[in-house]
Every structure is written in structure tokens, then in C-alpha cells.
């Protein structure tokens, strides 16, 4: 698992790259519901979600733009963790 450090805090590189991929390119700007599903699938790729993955998901929620429906879904899924 690869990591990236932002402002002295370690995050999971794969999750950040996935969020960036979904918000850049041909007309993309906000994370949509299906992309939120992708993020949580990626975070659940092992036996459980690590503290780094939780921190990364929280960072994505605070940093990246979401559609309203995607924000609601993200918040609901994050609350289950």
C-alpha cells in the first residue's frame, strides 16, 4: 500500500488518486454517487478499513466537491464505519 503525506499527515495514495481521477477530465468536477461507491469499495479492499483509510476518506470529504446526493451517500456510508 502506498502513502502520500500532505501537510505532515499520511493518507492512502490510491484513494486520493481515485477521487482526483473522478473529479478531473472531460467535464468532471464533483464526485457522484457511483464514484462514492467506488471510494468505499477501494477502502474496503482488505480485512477492514485502516485508520489511514478512514483519515483519507475524511480528507476526501472535506477537500473534494460532491454532488448533493453523493455527499448524502458518503456521509451515510462513513457513519457506518
PDB file of N, CA and C in Angstrom:
ATOM      1  N   UNK A   1       0.854  -1.176   0.000  1.00  0.00           N
ATOM      2  CA  UNK A   1       0.000   0.000   0.000  1.00  0.00           C
ATOM      3  C   UNK A   1       0.897   1.235   0.000  1.00  0.00           C
ATOM      4  N   UNK A   2       0.607   2.150  -0.883  1.00  0.00           N
ATOM      5  CA  UNK A   2       1.395   3.380  -0.992  1.00  0.00           C
ATOM      6  C   UNK A   2       0.702   4.522  -0.254  1.00  0.00           C
ATOM      7  N   UNK A   3       1.516   5.401   0.249  1.00  0.00           N
ATOM      8  CA  UNK A   3       1.005   6.532   1.017  1.00  0.00           C
ATOM      9  C   UNK A   3       1.533   7.837   0.442  1.00  0.00           C
ATOM     10  N   UNK A   4       0.830   8.906   0.761  1.00  0.00           N
ATOM     11  CA  UNK A   4       1.263  10.248   0.404  1.00  0.00           C
ATOM     12  C   UNK A   4       1.099  11.098   1.669  1.00  0.00           C
ATOM     13  N   UNK A   5       2.024  12.021   1.860  1.00  0.00           N
ATOM     14  CA  UNK A   5       1.961  12.892   3.025  1.00  0.00           C
ATOM     15  C   UNK A   5       1.563  14.294   2.584  1.00  0.00           C
ATOM     16  N   UNK A   6       0.549  14.831   3.209  1.00  0.00           N
ATOM     17  CA  UNK A   6       0.061  16.185   2.923  1.00  0.00           C
ATOM     18  C   UNK A   6       0.053  16.932   4.242  1.00  0.00           C
ATOM     19  N   UNK A   7       0.766  18.037   4.279  1.00  0.00           N
ATOM     20  CA  UNK A   7       0.865  18.849   5.498  1.00  0.00           C
ATOM     21  C   UNK A   7       1.220  18.009   6.723  1.00  0.00           C
ATOM     22  N   UNK A   8       2.134  17.058   6.524  1.00  0.00           N
ATOM     23  CA  UNK A   8       2.616  16.242   7.626  1.00  0.00           C
ATOM     24  C   UNK A   8       1.708  15.096   8.035  1.00  0.00           C
ATOM     25  N   UNK A   9       0.624  14.879   7.299  1.00  0.00           N
ATOM     26  CA  UNK A   9      -0.330  13.812   7.620  1.00  0.00           C
ATOM     27  C   UNK A   9      -0.295  12.772   6.504  1.00  0.00           C
ATOM     28  N   UNK A  10      -0.278  11.485   6.901  1.00  0.00           N
ATOM     29  CA  UNK A  10      -0.196  10.399   5.934  1.00  0.00           C
ATOM     30  C   UNK A  10      -1.595   9.957   5.491  1.00  0.00           C
ATOM     31  N   UNK A  11      -1.749   9.836   4.148  1.00  0.00           N
ATOM     32  CA  UNK A  11      -3.006   9.394   3.544  1.00  0.00           C
ATOM     33  C   UNK A  11      -2.725   8.255   2.573  1.00  0.00           C
ATOM     34  N   UNK A  12      -3.773   7.514   2.226  1.00  0.00           N
ATOM     35  CA  UNK A  12      -3.618   6.435   1.252  1.00  0.00           C
ATOM     36  C   UNK A  12      -3.637   7.013  -0.156  1.00  0.00           C
ATOM     37  N   UNK A  13      -2.592   6.758  -0.873  1.00  0.00           N
ATOM     38  CA  UNK A  13      -2.410   7.306  -2.222  1.00  0.00           C
ATOM     39  C   UNK A  13      -3.503   6.842  -3.191  1.00  0.00           C
ATOM     40  N   UNK A  14      -3.842   5.565  -3.145  1.00  0.00           N
ATOM     41  CA  UNK A  14      -4.827   5.011  -4.082  1.00  0.00           C
ATOM     42  C   UNK A  14      -6.187   5.696  -3.956  1.00  0.00           C
ATOM     43  N   UNK A  15      -6.635   5.920  -2.739  1.00  0.00           N
ATOM     44  CA  UNK A  15      -7.927   6.588  -2.536  1.00  0.00           C
ATOM     45  C   UNK A  15      -7.896   8.024  -3.041  1.00  0.00           C
ATOM     46  N   UNK A  16      -6.809   8.722  -2.758  1.00  0.00           N
ATOM     47  CA  UNK A  16      -6.690  10.106  -3.228  1.00  0.00           C
ATOM     48  C   UNK A  16      -6.656  10.175  -4.749  1.00  0.00           C
ATOM     49  N   UNK A  17      -5.929   9.263  -5.363  1.00  0.00           N
ATOM     50  CA  UNK A  17      -5.854   9.244  -6.819  1.00  0.00           C
ATOM     51  C   UNK A  17      -7.209   8.904  -7.439  1.00  0.00           C
ATOM     52  N   UNK A  18      -7.950   8.027  -6.806  1.00  0.00           N
ATOM     53  CA  UNK A  18      -9.277   7.677  -7.299  1.00  0.00           C
ATOM     54  C   UNK A  18     -10.206   8.886  -7.233  1.00  0.00           C
ATOM     55  N   UNK A  19     -10.181   9.607  -6.128  1.00  0.00           N
ATOM     56  CA  UNK A  19     -11.010  10.814  -6.004  1.00  0.00           C
ATOM     57  C   UNK A  19     -10.594  11.855  -7.036  1.00  0.00           C
ATOM     58  N   UNK A  20      -9.304  12.029  -7.211  1.00  0.00           N
ATOM     59  CA  UNK A  20      -8.809  13.002  -8.192  1.00  0.00           C
ATOM     60  C   UNK A  20      -9.216  12.596  -9.606  1.00  0.00           C
ATOM     61  N   UNK A  21      -9.103  11.310  -9.916  1.00  0.00           N
ATOM     62  CA  UNK A  21      -9.493  10.807 -11.226  1.00  0.00           C
ATOM     63  C   UNK A  21     -10.971  11.097 -11.517  1.00  0.00           C
ATOM     64  N   UNK A  22     -11.803  10.924 -10.515  1.00  0.00           N
ATOM     65  CA  UNK A  22     -13.245  11.127 -10.687  1.00  0.00           C
ATOM     66  C   UNK A  22     -13.630  12.604 -10.753  1.00  0.00           C
ATOM     67  N   UNK A  23     -12.734  13.507 -10.405  1.00  0.00           N
ATOM     68  CA  UNK A  23     -13.085  14.936 -10.418  1.00  0.00           C
ATOM     69  C   UNK A  23     -12.286  15.727 -11.449  1.00  0.00           C
ATOM     70  N   UNK A  24     -11.544  15.040 -12.283  1.00  0.00           N
ATOM     71  CA  UNK A  24     -10.796  15.727 -13.339  1.00  0.00           C
ATOM     72  C   UNK A  24     -11.123  15.081 -14.678  1.00  0.00           C
ATOM     73  N   UNK A  25     -10.841  15.797 -15.740  1.00  0.00           N
ATOM     74  CA  UNK A  25     -11.101  15.250 -17.064  1.00  0.00           C
ATOM     75  C   UNK A  25     -12.373  15.798 -17.667  1.00  0.00           C
ATOM     76  N   UNK A  26     -12.829  15.158 -18.668  1.00  0.00           N
ATOM     77  CA  UNK A  26     -13.931  15.600 -19.513  1.00  0.00           C
ATOM     78  C   UNK A  26     -15.176  16.040 -18.745  1.00  0.00           C
ATOM     79  N   UNK A  27     -15.200  17.283 -18.356  1.00  0.00           N
ATOM     80  CA  UNK A  27     -16.369  17.852 -17.716  1.00  0.00           C
ATOM     81  C   UNK A  27     -16.610  17.426 -16.285  1.00  0.00           C
ATOM     82  N   UNK A  28     -15.715  16.653 -15.724  1.00  0.00           N
ATOM     83  CA  UNK A  28     -15.868  16.191 -14.347  1.00  0.00           C
ATOM     84  C   UNK A  28     -15.520  17.313 -13.380  1.00  0.00           C
ATOM     85  N   UNK A  29     -16.264  17.408 -12.309  1.00  0.00           N
ATOM     86  CA  UNK A  29     -15.889  18.356 -11.269  1.00  0.00           C
ATOM     87  C   UNK A  29     -16.320  17.861  -9.895  1.00  0.00           C
ATOM     88  N   UNK A  30     -17.483  17.265  -9.784  1.00  0.00           N
ATOM     89  CA  UNK A  30     -17.989  16.791  -8.496  1.00  0.00           C
ATOM     90  C   UNK A  30     -18.010  15.267  -8.454  1.00  0.00           C
ATOM     91  N   UNK A  31     -17.761  14.722  -7.278  1.00  0.00           N
ATOM     92  CA  UNK A  31     -17.918  13.285  -7.102  1.00  0.00           C
ATOM     93  C   UNK A  31     -19.411  12.956  -7.118  1.00  0.00           C
ATOM     94  N   UNK A  32     -19.764  11.907  -7.852  1.00  0.00           N
ATOM     95  CA  UNK A  32     -21.152  11.464  -7.958  1.00  0.00           C
ATOM     96  C   UNK A  32     -21.358  10.223  -7.090  1.00  0.00           C
ATOM     97  N   UNK A  33     -22.614   9.796  -6.959  1.00  0.00           N
ATOM     98  CA  UNK A  33     -22.942   8.661  -6.092  1.00  0.00           C
ATOM     99  C   UNK A  33     -22.178   7.391  -6.471  1.00  0.00           C
ATOM    100  N   UNK A  34     -22.109   7.069  -7.759  1.00  0.00           N
ATOM    101  CA  UNK A  34     -21.403   5.845  -8.163  1.00  0.00           C
ATOM    102  C   UNK A  34     -19.913   5.932  -7.858  1.00  0.00           C
ATOM    103  N   UNK A  35     -19.374   7.131  -7.872  1.00  0.00           N
ATOM    104  CA  UNK A  35     -17.965   7.318  -7.557  1.00  0.00           C
ATOM    105  C   UNK A  35     -17.716   7.200  -6.048  1.00  0.00           C
ATOM    106  N   UNK A  36     -18.690   7.603  -5.256  1.00  0.00           N
ATOM    107  CA  UNK A  36     -18.607   7.401  -3.807  1.00  0.00           C
ATOM    108  C   UNK A  36     -18.592   5.901  -3.512  1.00  0.00           C
ATOM    109  N   UNK A  37     -19.405   5.152  -4.225  1.00  0.00           N
ATOM    110  CA  UNK A  37     -19.411   3.697  -4.068  1.00  0.00           C
ATOM    111  C   UNK A  37     -18.021   3.142  -4.381  1.00  0.00           C
ATOM    112  N   UNK A  38     -17.392   3.640  -5.450  1.00  0.00           N
ATOM    113  CA  UNK A  38     -16.035   3.209  -5.804  1.00  0.00           C
ATOM    114  C   UNK A  38     -15.042   3.497  -4.683  1.00  0.00           C
ATOM    115  N   UNK A  39     -15.145   4.665  -4.069  1.00  0.00           N
ATOM    116  CA  UNK A  39     -14.235   5.027  -2.986  1.00  0.00           C
ATOM    117  C   UNK A  39     -14.359   4.064  -1.806  1.00  0.00           C
ATOM    118  N   UNK A  40     -15.583   3.756  -1.427  1.00  0.00           N
ATOM    119  CA  UNK A  40     -15.779   2.862  -0.292  1.00  0.00           C
ATOM    120  C   UNK A  40     -15.387   1.428  -0.622  1.00  0.00           C
ATOM    121  N   UNK A  41     -15.579   1.005  -1.871  1.00  0.00           N
ATOM    122  CA  UNK A  41     -15.109  -0.324  -2.285  1.00  0.00           C
ATOM    123  C   UNK A  41     -13.595  -0.383  -2.187  1.00  0.00           C
ATOM    124  N   UNK A  42     -12.927   0.650  -2.623  1.00  0.00           N
ATOM    125  CA  UNK A  42     -11.471   0.693  -2.558  1.00  0.00           C
ATOM    126  C   UNK A  42     -10.983   0.669  -1.116  1.00  0.00           C
ATOM    127  N   UNK A  43     -11.647   1.416  -0.256  1.00  0.00           N
ATOM    128  CA  UNK A  43     -11.254   1.448   1.155  1.00  0.00           C
ATOM    129  C   UNK A  43     -11.490   0.103   1.834  1.00  0.00           C
ATOM    130  N   UNK A  44     -12.467  -0.654   1.361  1.00  0.00           N
ATOM    131  CA  UNK A  44     -12.793  -1.962   1.938  1.00  0.00           C
ATOM    132  C   UNK A  44     -12.073  -3.104   1.231  1.00  0.00           C
ATOM    133  N   UNK A  45     -10.918  -2.830   0.665  1.00  0.00           N
ATOM    134  CA  UNK A  45     -10.207  -3.828  -0.123  1.00  0.00           C
ATOM    135  C   UNK A  45      -9.481  -4.882   0.707  1.00  0.00           C
ATOM    136  N   UNK A  46      -9.428  -4.716   1.997  1.00  0.00           N
ATOM    137  CA  UNK A  46      -8.730  -5.670   2.860  1.00  0.00           C
ATOM    138  C   UNK A  46      -9.667  -6.222   3.912  1.00  0.00           C
ATOM    139  N   UNK A  47      -9.091  -6.743   4.990  1.00  0.00           N
ATOM    140  CA  UNK A  47      -9.911  -7.330   6.045  1.00  0.00           C
ATOM    141  C   UNK A  47     -10.706  -6.294   6.844  1.00  0.00           C
ATOM    142  N   UNK A  48     -10.391  -5.033   6.686  1.00  0.00           N
ATOM    143  CA  UNK A  48     -11.096  -3.958   7.365  1.00  0.00           C
ATOM    144  C   UNK A  48     -10.530  -2.622   6.907  1.00  0.00           C
ATOM    145  N   UNK A  49     -11.179  -1.566   7.294  1.00  0.00           N
ATOM    146  CA  UNK A  49     -10.703  -0.236   6.915  1.00  0.00           C
ATOM    147  C   UNK A  49      -9.701   0.230   7.970  1.00  0.00           C
ATOM    148  N   UNK A  50      -8.527   0.623   7.500  1.00  0.00           N
ATOM    149  CA  UNK A  50      -7.467   1.056   8.406  1.00  0.00           C
ATOM    150  C   UNK A  50      -7.694   2.493   8.856  1.00  0.00           C
ATOM    151  N   UNK A  51      -6.966   2.900   9.880  1.00  0.00           N
ATOM    152  CA  UNK A  51      -7.031   4.283  10.334  1.00  0.00           C
ATOM    153  C   UNK A  51      -6.618   5.250   9.225  1.00  0.00           C
ATOM    154  N   UNK A  52      -5.621   4.844   8.430  1.00  0.00           N
ATOM    155  CA  UNK A  52      -5.175   5.693   7.322  1.00  0.00           C
ATOM    156  C   UNK A  52      -6.271   5.834   6.271  1.00  0.00           C
ATOM    157  N   UNK A  53      -6.971   4.757   5.985  1.00  0.00           N
ATOM    158  CA  UNK A  53      -8.073   4.827   5.021  1.00  0.00           C
ATOM    159  C   UNK A  53      -9.201   5.706   5.557  1.00  0.00           C
ATOM    160  N   UNK A  54      -9.517   5.587   6.833  1.00  0.00           N
ATOM    161  CA  UNK A  54     -10.539   6.452   7.439  1.00  0.00           C
ATOM    162  C   UNK A  54     -10.126   7.920   7.350  1.00  0.00           C
ATOM    163  N   UNK A  55      -8.882   8.188   7.688  1.00  0.00           N
ATOM    164  CA  UNK A  55      -8.368   9.557   7.629  1.00  0.00           C
ATOM    165  C   UNK A  55      -8.425  10.082   6.189  1.00  0.00           C
ATOM    166  N   UNK A  56      -8.109   9.213   5.237  1.00  0.00           N
ATOM    167  CA  UNK A  56      -8.126   9.612   3.826  1.00  0.00           C
ATOM    168  C   UNK A  56      -9.549   9.890   3.359  1.00  0.00           C
ATOM    169  N   UNK A  57     -10.487   9.046   3.737  1.00  0.00           N
ATOM    170  CA  UNK A  57     -11.884   9.283   3.380  1.00  0.00           C
ATOM    171  C   UNK A  57     -12.371  10.612   3.965  1.00  0.00           C
ATOM    172  N   UNK A  58     -12.016  10.870   5.210  1.00  0.00           N
ATOM    173  CA  UNK A  58     -12.406  12.129   5.858  1.00  0.00           C
ATOM    174  C   UNK A  58     -11.801  13.318   5.104  1.00  0.00           C
ATOM    175  N   UNK A  59     -10.538  13.188   4.700  1.00  0.00           N
ATOM    176  CA  UNK A  59      -9.857  14.241   3.932  1.00  0.00           C
ATOM    177  C   UNK A  59     -10.563  14.464   2.593  1.00  0.00           C
ATOM    178  N   UNK A  60     -10.922  13.385   1.923  1.00  0.00           N
ATOM    179  CA  UNK A  60     -11.622  13.498   0.637  1.00  0.00           C
ATOM    180  C   UNK A  60     -12.948  14.234   0.829  1.00  0.00           C
ATOM    181  N   UNK A  61     -13.673  13.882   1.881  1.00  0.00           N
ATOM    182  CA  UNK A  61     -14.973  14.529   2.129  1.00  0.00           C
ATOM    183  C   UNK A  61     -14.818  16.019   2.382  1.00  0.00           C
ATOM    184  N   UNK A  62     -13.748  16.396   3.060  1.00  0.00           N
ATOM    185  CA  UNK A  62     -13.515  17.804   3.392  1.00  0.00           C
ATOM    186  C   UNK A  62     -12.900  18.598   2.247  1.00  0.00           C
ATOM    187  N   UNK A  63     -12.267  17.922   1.301  1.00  0.00           N
ATOM    188  CA  UNK A  63     -11.462  18.601   0.286  1.00  0.00           C
ATOM    189  C   UNK A  63     -12.070  18.587  -1.114  1.00  0.00           C
ATOM    190  N   UNK A  64     -12.716  17.490  -1.479  1.00  0.00           N
ATOM    191  CA  UNK A  64     -13.222  17.331  -2.844  1.00  0.00           C
ATOM    192  C   UNK A  64     -14.689  17.754  -2.932  1.00  0.00           C
ATOM    193  N   UNK A  65     -15.099  18.231  -4.110  1.00  0.00           N
ATOM    194  CA  UNK A  65     -16.502  18.606  -4.295  1.00  0.00           C
ATOM    195  C   UNK A  65     -17.372  17.383  -4.580  1.00  0.00           C
ATOM    196  N   UNK A  66     -18.591  17.410  -4.063  1.00  0.00           N
ATOM    197  CA  UNK A  66     -19.551  16.323  -4.221  1.00  0.00           C
ATOM    198  C   UNK A  66     -20.867  16.886  -4.750  1.00  0.00           C
ATOM    199  N   UNK A  67     -21.604  16.053  -5.491  1.00  0.00           N
ATOM    200  CA  UNK A  67     -22.989  16.411  -5.757  1.00  0.00           C
ATOM    201  C   UNK A  67     -23.724  16.272  -4.427  1.00  0.00           C
ATOM    202  N   UNK A  68     -24.888  16.872  -4.313  1.00  0.00           N
ATOM    203  CA  UNK A  68     -25.646  16.778  -3.061  1.00  0.00           C
ATOM    204  C   UNK A  68     -25.977  15.326  -2.719  1.00  0.00           C
ATOM    205  N   UNK A  69     -26.415  14.570  -3.721  1.00  0.00           N
ATOM    206  CA  UNK A  69     -26.773  13.167  -3.489  1.00  0.00           C
ATOM    207  C   UNK A  69     -25.545  12.354  -3.083  1.00  0.00           C
ATOM    208  N   UNK A  70     -24.415  12.630  -3.711  1.00  0.00           N
ATOM    209  CA  UNK A  70     -23.179  11.914  -3.378  1.00  0.00           C
ATOM    210  C   UNK A  70     -22.710  12.267  -1.970  1.00  0.00           C
ATOM    211  N   UNK A  71     -22.854  13.518  -1.587  1.00  0.00           N
ATOM    212  CA  UNK A  71     -22.464  13.942  -0.235  1.00  0.00           C
ATOM    213  C   UNK A  71     -23.320  13.221   0.804  1.00  0.00           C
ATOM    214  N   UNK A  72     -24.610  13.119   0.540  1.00  0.00           N
ATOM    215  CA  UNK A  72     -25.508  12.415   1.465  1.00  0.00           C
ATOM    216  C   UNK A  72     -25.129  10.939   1.584  1.00  0.00           C
ATOM    217  N   UNK A  73     -24.837  10.313   0.438  1.00  0.00           N
ATOM    218  CA  UNK A  73     -24.448   8.908   0.438  1.00  0.00           C
ATOM    219  C   UNK A  73     -23.124   8.721   1.177  1.00  0.00           C
ATOM    220  N   UNK A  74     -22.158   9.580   0.897  1.00  0.00           N
ATOM    221  CA  UNK A  74     -20.858   9.489   1.558  1.00  0.00           C
ATOM    222  C   UNK A  74     -21.032   9.576   3.065  1.00  0.00           C
ATOM    223  N   UNK A  75     -21.769  10.578   3.511  1.00  0.00           N
ATOM    224  CA  UNK A  75     -21.972  10.782   4.950  1.00  0.00           C
ATOM    225  C   UNK A  75     -22.651   9.578   5.601  1.00  0.00           C
ATOM    226  N   UNK A  76     -23.629   8.988   4.907  1.00  0.00           N
ATOM    227  CA  UNK A  76     -24.328   7.822   5.441  1.00  0.00           C
ATOM    228  C   UNK A  76     -23.395   6.609   5.525  1.00  0.00           C
ATOM    229  N   UNK A  77     -22.604   6.406   4.488  1.00  0.00           N
ATOM    230  CA  UNK A  77     -21.681   5.267   4.476  1.00  0.00           C
ATOM    231  C   UNK A  77     -20.565   5.459   5.499  1.00  0.00           C
ATOM    232  N   UNK A  78     -20.061   6.678   5.628  1.00  0.00           N
ATOM    233  CA  UNK A  78     -18.986   6.942   6.576  1.00  0.00           C
ATOM    234  C   UNK A  78     -19.479   6.739   8.007  1.00  0.00           C
ATOM    235  N   UNK A  79     -20.718   7.100   8.260  1.00  0.00           N
ATOM    236  CA  UNK A  79     -21.286   6.937   9.610  1.00  0.00           C
ATOM    237  C   UNK A  79     -21.369   5.465  10.017  1.00  0.00           C
ATOM    238  N   UNK A  80     -21.428   4.565   9.045  1.00  0.00           N
ATOM    239  CA  UNK A  80     -21.499   3.124   9.331  1.00  0.00           C
ATOM    240  C   UNK A  80     -20.157   2.540   9.730  1.00  0.00           C
ATOM    241  N   UNK A  81     -19.072   3.264   9.477  1.00  0.00           N
ATOM    242  CA  UNK A  81     -17.731   2.722   9.741  1.00  0.00           C
ATOM    243  C   UNK A  81     -17.350   2.789  11.186  1.00  0.00           C
TER     244      UNK A  81
END
